[in-house]
Amino acid sequence: MKKKYRLNFGLAFFEKSTMQKFEKLATQGWLFKRFAFGGFLLEFEQGEQQTLSYSLGFQSEPDSDYFEIVRAAGWRHVTSHFNEFHVFSASPGTAPIYTNDEGEAEKYEELNSSFGKAALYTFLAILAVTALMMLSQIYFSLLYVPLQILQYSCVATFVFCLLPYCKYTYDRLKR
């Protein structure tokens, strides 16, 4: 089977447009299969042209009941990412997984909390590594470069956690 990859611009900011992209590609015979390369890429596999609706669910460590309820509503589980993001597909006209604002808000609440905690922990790691870098300049300069590399990776992680946290918080306050 042929495969095609597309860049994932971030479900926190582009959830609806990403689901619409999945739907458009399905009509061309490219069906979404999974998140690839740590979620930075979206993998599509060539198949039959289909008219599908896609929906995204957020549920940390879901049990079998979660998938059973969604399946009973007419949705098929496509894939999961980090066991928190779940992509479903269904025939057009199938009732949405989240049918009201409260359900939509619940969908993001736990995810927002996870990103907030991760942003806090990585910020604290940045502070700790910065302090170690300052000490290494005084006492042991050979550690400075490895600590600087660690600091850059902490900053990158912090940004990837902070931006979705800000987006979900903004959406929650906007309601």
Protein backbone atom coordinates (compact mmCIF):
# COMPACT_ATOMS: atom_id res chain seq x y z
CA MET A 1 0.00 0.00 0.00
CA LYS A 2 1.16 3.50 -0.78
CA LYS A 3 1.69 5.88 2.11
CA LYS A 4 1.74 9.65 2.29
CA TYR A 5 2.82 11.92 5.13
CA ARG A 6 1.63 15.40 6.03
CA LEU A 7 3.00 17.78 8.65
CA ASN A 8 0.94 17.98 11.84
CA PHE A 9 0.58 21.67 12.67
CA GLY A 10 -0.86 20.95 16.12
CA LEU A 11 -4.24 19.66 17.14
CA ALA A 12 -4.51 22.23 19.93
CA PHE A 13 -4.71 25.05 17.42
CA PHE A 14 -6.03 23.34 14.30
CA GLU A 15 -8.29 20.50 15.44
CA LYS A 16 -11.24 21.32 13.14
CA SER A 17 -9.13 22.08 10.09
CA THR A 18 -7.09 18.90 10.66
CA MET A 19 -10.27 16.80 10.82
CA GLN A 20 -11.49 18.52 7.64
CA LYS A 21 -8.15 17.70 5.99
CA PHE A 22 -8.66 14.03 6.93
CA GLU A 23 -12.16 14.13 5.40
CA LYS A 24 -10.96 15.75 2.18
CA LEU A 25 -8.10 13.28 1.75
CA ALA A 26 -10.48 10.34 2.40
CA THR A 27 -12.59 11.45 -0.57
CA GLN A 28 -9.40 11.22 -2.64
CA GLY A 29 -8.65 7.73 -1.32
CA TRP A 30 -6.07 8.70 1.30
CA LEU A 31 -7.20 7.37 4.70
CA PHE A 32 -5.67 8.59 7.94
CA LYS A 33 -3.84 5.77 9.72
CA ARG A 34 -1.70 7.12 12.54
CA PHE A 35 0.47 9.84 14.02
CA ALA A 36 4.06 9.23 12.89
CA PHE A 37 7.47 10.39 14.11
CA GLY A 38 6.35 11.42 17.57
CA GLY A 39 3.19 13.06 16.29
CA PHE A 40 4.96 15.56 14.04
CA LEU A 41 3.66 13.80 10.94
CA LEU A 42 0.28 12.39 9.95
CA GLU A 43 0.39 9.11 8.02
CA PHE A 44 -2.18 8.36 5.32
CA GLU A 45 -2.58 5.12 3.42
CA GLN A 46 -4.03 4.86 -0.05
CA GLY A 47 -7.29 2.95 -0.23
CA GLU A 48 -10.81 3.24 -1.50
CA GLN A 49 -12.29 6.71 -1.85
CA GLN A 50 -14.66 7.25 1.06
CA THR A 51 -16.84 9.97 2.43
CA LEU A 52 -16.05 10.03 6.15
CA SER A 53 -16.40 12.33 9.11
CA TYR A 54 -13.53 12.44 11.59
CA SER A 55 -13.55 13.42 15.24
CA LEU A 56 -10.90 13.77 17.90
CA GLY A 57 -11.36 12.57 21.46
CA PHE A 58 -9.21 13.33 24.48
CA GLN A 59 -9.23 10.74 27.22
CA SER A 60 -6.20 9.82 29.29
CA GLU A 61 -5.76 6.09 29.81
CA PRO A 62 -9.22 5.20 28.45
CA ASP A 63 -10.81 1.94 29.44
CA SER A 64 -12.68 -0.38 27.10
CA ASP A 65 -15.99 1.27 28.05
CA TYR A 66 -14.87 4.55 26.48
CA PHE A 67 -14.24 2.90 23.11
CA GLU A 68 -17.41 0.80 23.41
CA ILE A 69 -19.58 3.89 24.00
CA VAL A 70 -18.02 5.69 21.04
CA ARG A 71 -18.38 2.57 18.85
CA ALA A 72 -22.03 2.19 19.85
CA ALA A 73 -22.60 5.78 18.72
CA GLY A 74 -21.42 4.81 15.22
CA TRP A 75 -17.76 5.85 15.36
CA ARG A 76 -14.79 3.62 14.46
CA HIS A 77 -11.52 4.00 16.36
CA VAL A 78 -8.74 4.82 13.88
CA THR A 79 -5.73 5.38 16.12
CA SER A 80 -4.54 6.79 19.42
CA HIS A 81 -1.52 8.90 20.23
CA PHE A 82 0.18 8.80 23.66
CA ASN A 83 -2.97 7.00 24.84
CA GLU A 84 -4.61 10.44 25.21
CA PHE A 85 -5.57 11.63 21.71
CA HIS A 86 -8.00 9.33 19.88
CA VAL A 87 -9.07 9.72 16.27
CA PHE A 88 -12.42 8.29 15.19
CA SER A 89 -14.15 8.09 11.82
CA ALA A 90 -17.80 7.58 10.88
CA SER A 91 -20.25 8.00 8.05
CA PRO A 92 -21.37 11.58 7.47
CA GLY A 93 -24.43 12.44 9.52
CA THR A 94 -23.38 10.33 12.51
CA ALA A 95 -24.15 12.17 15.75
CA PRO A 96 -21.06 13.99 17.07
CA ILE A 97 -19.12 12.35 19.88
CA TYR A 98 -19.45 15.53 21.93
CA THR A 99 -22.96 16.88 21.55
CA ASN A 100 -22.96 19.91 23.86
CA ASP A 101 -20.67 22.62 25.21
CA GLU A 102 -20.24 20.82 28.53
CA GLY A 103 -19.01 17.67 26.79
CA GLU A 104 -16.73 19.78 24.62
CA ALA A 105 -15.36 21.55 27.72
CA GLU A 106 -14.83 18.23 29.52
CA LYS A 107 -12.92 16.99 26.51
CA TYR A 108 -10.24 19.61 27.05
CA GLU A 109 -10.20 19.94 30.85
CA GLU A 110 -7.96 16.97 31.65
CA LEU A 111 -5.71 17.69 28.68
CA ASN A 112 -5.33 21.31 29.78
CA SER A 113 -4.33 20.16 33.25
CA SER A 114 -1.73 17.75 31.82
CA PHE A 115 -0.15 20.41 29.62
CA GLY A 116 -0.15 22.90 32.51
CA LYS A 117 1.66 20.48 34.81
CA ALA A 118 4.15 19.58 32.09
CA ALA A 119 4.83 23.28 31.41
CA LEU A 120 5.39 23.92 35.13
CA TYR A 121 7.76 20.95 35.50
CA THR A 122 9.79 21.89 32.44
CA PHE A 123 10.00 25.50 33.62
CA LEU A 124 11.37 24.27 36.96
CA ALA A 125 13.83 22.07 35.05
CA ILE A 126 14.97 25.13 33.06
CA LEU A 127 15.62 27.01 36.31
CA ALA A 128 17.53 24.07 37.80
CA VAL A 129 19.67 23.57 34.68
CA THR A 130 20.37 27.33 34.51
CA ALA A 131 21.56 27.27 38.13
CA LEU A 132 23.77 24.25 37.38
CA MET A 133 25.19 26.05 34.34
CA MET A 134 26.13 29.03 36.50
CA LEU A 135 27.80 26.74 39.04
CA SER A 136 29.60 24.79 36.31
CA GLN A 137 31.19 28.00 34.99
CA ILE A 138 32.69 28.56 38.42
CA TYR A 139 33.61 25.02 39.47
CA PHE A 140 33.62 22.65 36.49
CA SER A 141 33.48 24.25 33.06
CA LEU A 142 33.44 20.93 31.15
CA LEU A 143 29.78 20.48 32.13
CA TYR A 144 28.70 23.81 30.68
CA VAL A 145 28.11 22.66 27.06
CA PRO A 146 26.15 19.48 27.96
CA LEU A 147 24.05 21.53 30.38
CA GLN A 148 23.43 24.12 27.69
CA ILE A 149 22.20 21.39 25.34
CA LEU A 150 19.95 20.09 28.12
CA GLN A 151 18.66 23.61 28.70
CA TYR A 152 17.76 24.02 25.00
CA SER A 153 15.84 20.75 25.01
CA CYS A 154 14.01 21.83 28.18
CA VAL A 155 13.07 25.14 26.56
CA ALA A 156 11.75 23.34 23.47
CA THR A 157 9.68 21.00 25.64
CA PHE A 158 8.41 23.96 27.65
CA VAL A 159 7.22 25.73 24.50
CA PHE A 160 5.46 22.59 23.22
CA CYS A 161 3.64 22.31 26.57
CA LEU A 162 2.94 25.99 27.19
CA LEU A 163 1.35 26.81 23.83
CA PRO A 164 -1.40 24.14 23.99
CA TYR A 165 -1.98 24.99 27.65
CA CYS A 166 -2.52 28.66 26.73
CA LYS A 167 -4.82 27.71 23.85
CA TYR A 168 -7.00 25.39 25.96
CA THR A 169 -7.12 27.92 28.80
CA TYR A 170 -8.14 30.66 26.36
CA ASP A 171 -10.87 28.43 24.92
CA ARG A 172 -12.15 27.60 28.41
CA LEU A 173 -12.26 31.26 29.45
CA LYS A 174 -13.97 32.23 26.21
CA ARG A 175 -16.96 29.97 26.96
